[in-house]
Amino acid sequence: MTVDAVAVGAGQRGFFVYGAWALRHPHRLRFVAVADPDPNRRDRFADAHGIGPSRRFADPNDLFSRGRLAVAAVVASDDRSHVPVTVSALEAGYEVLTEKPAAPDLDGLVTLVRAARRASGHLHVAHVLRFTPFFLTLHRVVTSGMIGDVVTVEHRENVASWHMAHSFVRGNWSRAGEATPLIVQKACHDFDILTWNVPSPVTALSSMGSLFEFRPDRAPPEATPRCTDGCPVGDCPYDARRIYLDTDDTGWPHHVLGDDLSPAGRLAALRSGPYGRCVYRAGSDVVDHQVVTMQTAAGTTIALHVHGHSAEEARTMRYDGTRGTLRGFFGRRHELEVTLHRTGSVRRFPVHAGTGGHGGGDDGLIAAFVESAADGRPGPTDLSEIVESHFLAYLAEEARISGATIDVSARRERLEGALR
């Protein structure tokens, strides 16, 4: 069965992930309408999917005013628009898949959940890590009892330095007030994995972090406002000329620069657009490192580290239980092993990276959504789990700003009251 869908947002995720998957699997997913305020992105998407002029919309409200044009809606617009767009899609009767974060703040989350509970369709959130072979194996091992009861967890989201510069210093998420804070935008994935593997509810949470590096006072004295201004700092790891020009690669993140990905087109984009700015003078206000500490009702302690100064993109984790220790590495290689306390023996679990982005998570997510939408069934992530991962991310940012340890149990009671 082919599931017809409408797309809201035809940029990086909309066009290159969801749209590309549909083109590879036309017998499973077909886009029949698109909404995006940028006419170039809108027409590029529509032309690729054979969508006629009458179903190309600048405003998603115009799309939804036409009634239910398909079974499913994919929301891949900017973070701050996720709530109103998703609510409109749910109210129109669509099965909805929305990019994360589903909501930028707690008020938005409450609005979204209330709409989802009223709707005939179901809300699915793009928590792609759950669909990777690696994290599926990790979940199976942790919940099998092999390492016993989980006592303490260290989970690290190690964002590569170039990725930090691209997305959170120069890019769409460089200003927390215009998008979402790093701990919400990037780490809601990680909160989702942690609450999936350690289901005992978090009762207390604290957090610390700051913007350490990407500030004007950290700039080399001779640095120019743009890398293309002839900046003489030859050993800068964030030199946009090296990142975006010294390569023939036109995939992500290079295709974010613009439509013209020729060397001349990329150079022009760096000279005039956000990705050519000196990282120290780009005006970012999001933290570049943060640690969140949590304790659950069962007594398990959890430390989540998120930072943008890694030599490579990777998530690393350690789960220490009453019977064994699990260590994992999810990046350019996938490794998962358990050392048993009693014997000292080590068991390694072969994990093969899936195809596509996020270690196979993108393909797995879309396939699962299409299957669920075809049958009108809820997705594998329960609505309460969606709430919990986002809720903890919001509290982490609040704790970082206030310096207080938050009584999560009391705040959860208030949230549950608001949702009733």
Protein backbone atom coordinates (compact mmCIF):
# COMPACT_ATOMS: atom_id res chain seq x y z
CA MET A 1 0.00 0.00 0.00
CA THR A 2 1.26 3.46 -0.91
CA VAL A 3 0.75 6.12 1.75
CA ASP A 4 0.05 9.59 0.39
CA ALA A 5 1.52 12.44 2.41
CA VAL A 6 1.87 16.21 2.50
CA ALA A 7 5.15 17.87 3.44
CA VAL A 8 5.51 21.02 5.51
CA GLY A 9 9.11 22.16 5.20
CA ALA A 10 11.15 21.35 2.10
CA GLY A 11 14.64 22.12 3.39
CA GLN A 12 17.41 19.86 4.59
CA ARG A 13 15.31 17.23 6.38
CA GLY A 14 12.21 17.64 4.24
CA PHE A 15 13.90 17.37 0.86
CA PHE A 16 17.06 15.36 1.49
CA VAL A 17 15.68 12.86 4.04
CA TYR A 18 11.91 12.40 3.80
CA GLY A 19 11.61 13.43 0.19
CA ALA A 20 14.57 11.32 -0.87
CA TRP A 21 13.17 8.26 0.94
CA ALA A 22 9.86 8.63 -0.90
CA LEU A 23 11.66 8.80 -4.25
CA ARG A 24 13.55 5.61 -3.40
CA HIS A 25 10.35 3.88 -2.23
CA PRO A 26 7.56 5.23 -4.46
CA HIS A 27 5.41 2.18 -3.80
CA ARG A 28 5.40 2.97 -0.06
CA LEU A 29 5.34 6.78 0.29
CA ARG A 30 4.18 9.48 -2.14
CA PHE A 31 4.10 13.21 -1.50
CA VAL A 32 1.09 14.93 -3.04
CA ALA A 33 1.42 18.49 -1.65
CA VAL A 34 4.13 20.70 -0.16
CA ALA A 35 4.24 23.89 1.90
CA ASP A 36 7.36 26.01 2.35
CA PRO A 37 7.78 29.80 2.42
CA ASP A 38 10.91 29.65 0.26
CA PRO A 39 9.81 29.42 -3.41
CA ASN A 40 13.06 27.76 -4.51
CA ARG A 41 12.82 25.01 -1.91
CA ARG A 42 9.10 24.62 -2.51
CA ASP A 43 9.46 24.25 -6.29
CA ARG A 44 12.51 22.00 -6.01
CA PHE A 45 10.54 19.59 -3.82
CA ALA A 46 7.38 19.79 -5.91
CA ASP A 47 9.22 19.27 -9.20
CA ALA A 48 11.02 16.21 -7.80
CA HIS A 49 7.74 14.64 -6.69
CA GLY A 50 5.53 15.67 -9.59
CA ILE A 51 3.34 17.97 -7.50
CA GLY A 52 1.29 20.40 -9.56
CA PRO A 53 1.02 24.18 -9.02
CA SER A 54 -2.32 23.94 -7.20
CA ARG A 55 -0.72 21.92 -4.40
CA ARG A 56 2.31 24.10 -3.78
CA PHE A 57 1.76 26.37 -0.79
CA ALA A 58 3.82 29.14 0.77
CA ASP A 59 1.80 29.00 4.00
CA PRO A 60 0.92 25.68 5.66
CA ASN A 61 -2.39 27.19 6.79
CA ASP A 62 -3.40 27.40 3.14
CA LEU A 63 -2.55 23.72 2.74
CA PHE A 64 -4.62 22.65 5.74
CA SER A 65 -7.53 24.88 4.71
CA ARG A 66 -7.96 22.58 1.71
CA GLY A 67 -9.05 19.71 3.94
CA ARG A 68 -7.37 16.34 4.25
CA LEU A 69 -5.42 15.85 1.03
CA ALA A 70 -3.62 12.67 2.13
CA VAL A 71 -3.28 10.13 4.91
CA ALA A 72 -0.09 11.52 6.43
CA ALA A 73 1.66 14.81 7.10
CA VAL A 74 5.41 15.21 7.61
CA VAL A 75 6.40 18.34 9.54
CA ALA A 76 10.01 19.33 8.85
CA SER A 77 9.75 23.10 9.25
CA ASP A 78 11.77 25.24 11.66
CA ASP A 79 11.67 24.35 15.37
CA ARG A 80 9.49 27.27 16.45
CA SER A 81 6.74 26.34 13.97
CA HIS A 82 6.44 22.67 14.96
CA VAL A 83 3.60 23.18 17.45
CA PRO A 84 1.18 25.29 15.37
CA VAL A 85 1.82 23.28 12.21
CA THR A 86 1.50 19.92 13.94
CA VAL A 87 -1.68 20.98 15.76
CA SER A 88 -3.21 22.09 12.45
CA ALA A 89 -2.24 18.78 10.84
CA LEU A 90 -3.74 16.78 13.72
CA GLU A 91 -6.93 18.82 13.65
CA ALA A 92 -7.20 18.17 9.91
CA GLY A 93 -7.15 14.42 10.58
CA TYR A 94 -3.66 13.52 9.43
CA GLU A 95 -1.32 10.88 10.80
CA VAL A 96 1.54 13.23 11.71
CA LEU A 97 5.30 12.76 11.87
CA THR A 98 7.03 15.84 13.24
CA GLU A 99 10.70 16.59 13.51
CA LYS A 100 12.18 16.94 16.96
CA PRO A 101 11.97 18.83 19.16
CA ALA A 102 8.21 18.44 18.92
CA ALA A 103 7.82 21.67 20.89
CA PRO A 104 10.34 24.38 21.85
CA ASP A 105 9.08 24.76 25.42
CA LEU A 106 6.77 23.30 28.03
CA ASP A 107 3.75 25.42 27.12
CA GLY A 108 4.07 24.31 23.52
CA LEU A 109 4.33 20.68 24.59
CA VAL A 110 1.12 20.94 26.61
CA THR A 111 -0.67 22.44 23.60
CA LEU A 112 0.63 19.68 21.36
CA VAL A 113 -0.29 16.81 23.65
CA ARG A 114 -3.80 18.13 24.19
CA ALA A 115 -4.26 18.32 20.42
CA ALA A 116 -2.88 14.81 19.96
CA ARG A 117 -5.30 13.41 22.53
CA ARG A 118 -8.25 15.01 20.73
CA ALA A 119 -7.18 13.98 17.25
CA SER A 120 -8.34 11.01 15.21
CA GLY A 121 -4.82 10.59 13.82
CA HIS A 122 -1.67 9.85 15.79
CA LEU A 123 1.40 11.92 16.63
CA HIS A 124 4.82 10.45 15.80
CA VAL A 125 8.07 12.26 16.70
CA ALA A 126 11.34 11.77 14.84
CA HIS A 127 13.32 10.14 17.63
CA VAL A 128 15.48 8.44 15.03
CA LEU A 129 17.96 6.80 17.42
CA ARG A 130 15.35 4.26 18.53
CA PHE A 131 15.36 2.87 14.99
CA THR A 132 19.10 2.27 14.66
CA PRO A 133 20.48 -1.28 14.92
CA PHE A 134 22.90 0.01 17.56
CA PHE A 135 20.39 1.46 20.01
CA LEU A 136 17.93 -1.37 19.45
CA THR A 137 20.70 -3.78 20.48
CA LEU A 138 21.68 -1.58 23.43
CA HIS A 139 18.08 -1.51 24.64
CA ARG A 140 17.76 -5.27 24.31
CA VAL A 141 20.94 -5.89 26.30
CA VAL A 142 20.17 -3.39 29.10
CA THR A 143 16.61 -4.66 29.56
CA SER A 144 17.59 -8.35 29.34
CA GLY A 145 19.02 -8.32 32.86
CA MET A 146 22.50 -9.27 31.68
CA ILE A 147 24.13 -6.41 33.61
CA GLY A 148 21.62 -6.70 36.46
CA ASP A 149 19.86 -3.67 37.87
CA VAL A 150 21.27 -0.43 36.45
CA VAL A 151 23.08 1.52 39.17
CA THR A 152 24.65 4.39 37.26
CA VAL A 153 24.84 5.63 33.66
CA GLU A 154 27.18 7.97 31.82
CA HIS A 155 25.93 9.01 28.38
CA ARG A 156 27.91 11.43 26.23
CA GLU A 157 26.69 13.29 23.16
CA ASN A 158 30.02 14.24 21.58
CA VAL A 159 29.28 16.73 18.81
CA ALA A 160 32.17 17.15 16.37
CA SER A 161 33.71 20.62 16.50
CA TRP A 162 32.89 21.34 12.83
CA HIS A 163 29.26 20.25 13.42
CA MET A 164 28.99 22.54 16.42
CA ALA A 165 30.29 25.43 14.34
CA HIS A 166 28.00 24.62 11.42
CA SER A 167 24.70 24.13 13.24
CA PHE A 168 24.95 25.89 16.59
CA VAL A 169 27.36 28.77 15.98
CA ARG A 170 26.82 29.80 12.37
CA GLY A 171 23.60 27.95 11.57
CA ASN A 172 19.91 27.71 12.33
CA TRP A 173 20.33 26.93 16.05
CA SER A 174 22.85 29.62 16.95
CA ARG A 175 20.36 31.71 18.92
CA ALA A 176 18.41 29.89 21.63
CA GLY A 177 15.55 32.40 21.57
CA GLU A 178 15.03 32.00 17.82
CA ALA A 179 15.22 28.21 17.77
CA THR A 180 15.74 25.95 20.78
CA PRO A 181 18.60 25.52 23.27
CA LEU A 182 21.27 22.93 22.50
CA ILE A 183 20.11 20.63 25.30
CA VAL A 184 16.60 20.61 23.80
CA GLN A 185 17.39 20.57 20.08
CA LYS A 186 20.24 18.06 20.13
CA ALA A 187 19.81 16.12 23.35
CA CYS A 188 16.08 15.36 23.32
CA HIS A 189 17.30 12.28 21.38
CA ASP A 190 19.53 11.36 24.30
CA PHE A 191 16.88 11.93 26.95
CA ASP A 192 14.63 9.67 24.90
CA ILE A 193 17.23 6.88 24.84
CA LEU A 194 17.92 7.24 28.57
CA THR A 195 14.28 7.15 29.62
CA TRP A 196 13.70 4.20 27.26
CA ASN A 197 16.52 2.19 28.85
CA VAL A 198 16.04 3.36 32.45
CA PRO A 199 12.25 3.56 32.84
CA SER A 200 12.23 4.49 36.53
CA PRO A 201 11.12 8.15 36.56
CA VAL A 202 13.67 10.88 37.24
CA THR A 203 12.99 12.54 40.59
CA ALA A 204 15.79 15.14 40.82
CA LEU A 205 17.84 16.98 38.20
CA SER A 206 20.63 19.57 38.11
CA SER A 207 22.72 21.01 35.29
CA MET A 208 25.72 23.18 34.54
CA GLY A 209 27.14 24.50 31.29
CA SER A 210 28.23 27.60 29.42
CA LEU A 211 29.38 29.10 26.15
CA PHE A 212 33.09 28.51 26.56
CA GLU A 213 34.71 29.07 23.17
CA PHE A 214 32.61 30.89 20.57
CA ARG A 215 32.80 34.40 22.03
CA PRO A 216 34.43 37.60 20.72
CA ASP A 217 36.91 37.67 23.61
CA ARG A 218 38.22 34.25 22.53
CA ALA A 219 38.94 35.34 18.95
CA PRO A 220 42.54 35.49 17.73
CA PRO A 221 43.49 39.20 17.52
CA GLU A 222 44.08 39.01 13.78
CA ALA A 223 40.84 37.18 12.94
CA THR A 224 38.64 38.84 10.31
CA PRO A 225 34.81 39.07 10.48
CA ARG A 226 34.55 36.47 7.72
CA CYS A 227 36.84 33.61 6.83
CA THR A 228 36.69 34.82 3.21
CA ASP A 229 38.06 38.24 4.16
CA GLY A 230 41.56 36.84 3.85
CA CYS A 231 41.73 35.73 7.46
CA PRO A 232 45.39 34.95 8.26
CA VAL A 233 44.71 32.53 11.15
CA GLY A 234 45.98 29.47 9.36
CA ASP A 235 45.50 26.92 12.12
CA CYS A 236 41.86 27.76 12.95
CA PRO A 237 39.84 24.52 13.11
CA TYR A 238 36.72 26.44 12.11
CA ASP A 239 38.01 27.99 8.87
CA ALA A 240 34.96 27.93 6.59
CA ARG A 241 37.17 27.83 3.50
CA ARG A 242 38.59 24.49 4.59
CA ILE A 243 35.26 23.05 5.78
CA TYR A 244 33.13 24.01 2.79
CA LEU A 245 35.50 24.62 -0.14
CA ASP A 246 38.36 22.13 0.17
CA THR A 247 36.15 19.22 -0.83
CA ASP A 248 34.11 17.90 -3.74
CA ASP A 249 31.44 16.67 -1.34
CA THR A 250 28.04 18.28 -1.95
CA GLY A 251 26.13 16.29 0.68
CA TRP A 252 25.32 17.45 4.19
CA PRO A 253 26.40 19.91 5.53
CA HIS A 254 27.58 21.46 2.27
CA HIS A 255 24.17 21.43 0.57
CA VAL A 256 22.85 23.66 3.35
CA LEU A 257 24.83 26.56 1.87
CA GLY A 258 22.39 27.03 -1.01
CA ASP A 259 21.20 25.72 -4.34
CA ASP A 260 24.43 26.43 -6.27
CA LEU A 261 26.97 23.94 -4.93
CA SER A 262 29.64 24.61 -7.52
CA PRO A 263 32.92 25.91 -6.07
CA ALA A 264 31.99 29.41 -7.17
CA GLY A 265 28.49 29.09 -5.71
CA ARG A 266 29.78 27.86 -2.37
CA LEU A 267 32.35 30.65 -2.21
CA ALA A 268 29.64 33.24 -2.92
CA ALA A 269 27.51 31.76 -0.15
CA LEU A 270 30.38 32.02 2.33
CA ARG A 271 31.04 35.62 1.36
CA SER A 272 27.45 36.72 1.99
CA GLY A 273 25.71 34.09 4.10
CA PRO A 274 25.92 32.93 7.72
CA TYR A 275 28.28 30.01 7.16
CA GLY A 276 31.23 32.22 6.23
CA ARG A 277 31.21 34.20 9.47
CA CYS A 278 34.03 33.97 11.98
CA VAL A 279 32.77 31.63 14.69
CA TYR A 280 34.01 33.99 17.40
CA ARG A 281 31.99 36.90 16.03
CA ALA A 282 28.92 35.07 14.71
CA GLY A 283 26.78 36.10 17.69
CA SER A 284 25.91 32.63 18.97
CA ASP A 285 24.44 32.51 22.48
CA VAL A 286 23.91 28.76 22.94
CA VAL A 287 26.10 26.75 25.30
CA ASP A 288 28.87 24.65 23.78
CA HIS A 289 29.11 22.25 26.75
CA GLN A 290 26.60 21.12 29.34
CA VAL A 291 26.26 18.34 31.89
CA VAL A 292 22.97 17.13 33.35
CA THR A 293 22.86 14.94 36.47
CA MET A 294 19.74 13.01 37.40
CA GLN A 295 18.50 10.52 39.98
CA THR A 296 15.57 8.17 39.46
CA ALA A 297 12.95 6.86 41.86
CA ALA A 298 14.80 3.52 41.88
CA GLY A 299 18.02 5.25 42.96
CA THR A 300 19.87 5.06 39.63
CA THR A 301 22.11 8.05 38.91
CA ILE A 302 22.56 9.35 35.37
CA ALA A 303 25.06 11.85 33.94
CA LEU A 304 24.39 13.23 30.47
CA HIS A 305 27.23 15.19 28.86
CA VAL A 306 26.60 17.25 25.72
CA HIS A 307 29.41 19.25 24.13
CA GLY A 308 30.62 20.58 20.79
CA HIS A 309 34.37 20.06 21.05
CA SER A 310 34.80 16.47 19.92
CA ALA A 311 37.35 15.37 17.34
CA GLU A 312 34.68 13.12 15.86
CA GLU A 313 30.91 12.80 15.92
CA ALA A 314 30.00 10.05 18.37
CA ARG A 315 27.77 9.04 21.22
CA THR A 316 29.48 7.04 23.93
CA MET A 317 27.91 5.40 26.94
CA ARG A 318 28.58 3.29 30.00
CA TYR A 319 25.95 1.46 32.05
CA ASP A 320 27.16 -0.04 35.33
CA GLY A 321 24.81 -2.60 36.83
CA THR A 322 24.81 -5.01 39.73
CA ARG A 323 26.09 -7.84 37.52
CA GLY A 324 28.10 -6.20 34.76
CA THR A 325 29.30 -3.12 32.90
CA LEU A 326 28.18 -2.17 29.40
CA ARG A 327 30.26 0.12 27.20
CA GLY A 328 29.17 1.44 23.84
CA PHE A 329 30.44 3.59 20.97
CA PHE A 330 28.09 4.91 18.30
CA GLY A 331 29.88 6.87 15.59
CA ARG A 332 32.08 5.99 12.63
CA ARG A 333 32.28 2.57 14.25
CA HIS A 334 29.65 0.77 16.27
CA GLU A 335 30.87 -1.14 19.32
CA LEU A 336 28.95 -2.66 22.21
CA GLU A 337 30.39 -4.90 24.92
CA VAL A 338 29.50 -6.22 28.36
CA THR A 339 32.00 -7.22 31.04
CA LEU A 340 30.55 -9.49 33.73
CA HIS A 341 31.51 -8.84 37.35
CA ARG A 342 31.66 -12.48 38.46
CA THR A 343 33.91 -13.88 35.74
CA GLY A 344 35.46 -10.83 34.12
CA SER A 345 34.47 -12.29 30.78
CA VAL A 346 33.70 -9.89 27.94
CA ARG A 347 30.89 -10.38 25.47
CA ARG A 348 30.92 -8.26 22.33
CA PHE A 349 27.75 -7.66 20.37
CA PRO A 350 28.14 -7.25 16.61
CA VAL A 351 26.21 -4.19 15.49
CA HIS A 352 26.14 -3.24 11.83
CA ALA A 353 25.39 0.33 10.84
CA GLY A 354 22.15 0.66 8.96
CA THR A 355 21.93 2.48 5.65
CA GLY A 356 21.14 6.17 5.48
CA GLY A 357 21.50 8.93 8.03
CA HIS A 358 21.77 8.58 11.81
CA GLY A 359 23.23 5.09 11.57
CA GLY A 360 20.12 3.75 9.84
CA GLY A 361 17.72 5.61 12.09
CA ASP A 362 16.28 7.84 9.37
CA ASP A 363 15.30 4.93 7.15
CA GLY A 364 13.97 2.92 10.09
CA LEU A 365 11.90 5.83 11.37
CA ILE A 366 10.27 6.60 8.02
CA ALA A 367 9.54 2.95 7.30
CA ALA A 368 7.91 2.54 10.72
CA PHE A 369 5.87 5.73 10.29
CA VAL A 370 4.62 4.68 6.87
CA GLU A 371 3.60 1.29 8.20
CA SER A 372 1.80 2.81 11.19
CA ALA A 373 0.11 5.50 9.09
CA ALA A 374 -1.14 2.92 6.60
CA ASP A 375 -2.95 1.10 9.41
CA GLY A 376 -3.84 4.15 11.49
CA ARG A 377 -1.87 2.83 14.44
CA PRO A 378 0.19 4.66 17.09
CA GLY A 379 3.94 4.71 16.56
CA PRO A 380 6.49 2.80 18.64
CA THR A 381 7.13 5.83 20.86
CA ASP A 382 4.26 6.29 23.28
CA LEU A 383 2.93 9.82 23.77
CA SER A 384 3.94 9.72 27.45
CA GLU A 385 7.52 8.90 26.43
CA ILE A 386 7.55 11.83 24.02
CA VAL A 387 6.42 14.07 26.88
CA GLU A 388 9.06 12.75 29.30
CA SER A 389 12.08 13.20 27.02
CA HIS A 390 11.13 16.78 26.15
CA PHE A 391 10.10 17.60 29.73
CA LEU A 392 13.52 16.61 31.08
CA ALA A 393 15.29 18.62 28.40
CA TYR A 394 13.34 21.77 29.32
CA LEU A 395 14.09 21.24 33.01
CA ALA A 396 17.78 20.74 32.24
CA GLU A 397 17.98 24.16 30.60
CA GLU A 398 16.02 25.72 33.47
CA ALA A 399 18.39 24.12 36.00
CA ARG A 400 21.45 25.35 34.09
CA ILE A 401 20.18 28.93 34.07
CA SER A 402 18.95 28.95 37.67
CA GLY A 403 21.69 26.83 39.23
CA ALA A 404 19.03 25.02 41.24
CA THR A 405 18.41 21.33 41.71
CA ILE A 406 14.90 20.69 40.46
CA ASP A 407 12.36 18.48 42.20
CA VAL A 408 11.24 16.69 39.05
CA SER A 409 8.51 14.69 40.79
CA ALA A 410 6.73 17.85 41.92
CA ARG A 411 7.08 19.44 38.50
CA ARG A 412 5.79 16.28 36.82
CA GLU A 413 2.65 16.42 38.98
CA ARG A 414 2.08 19.99 37.83
CA LEU A 415 2.57 18.95 34.20
CA GLU A 416 0.15 16.05 34.54
CA GLY A 417 -2.38 18.45 36.00
CA ALA A 418 -1.96 20.78 33.04
CA LEU A 419 -2.48 17.91 30.64
CA ARG A 420 -5.72 16.72 32.22
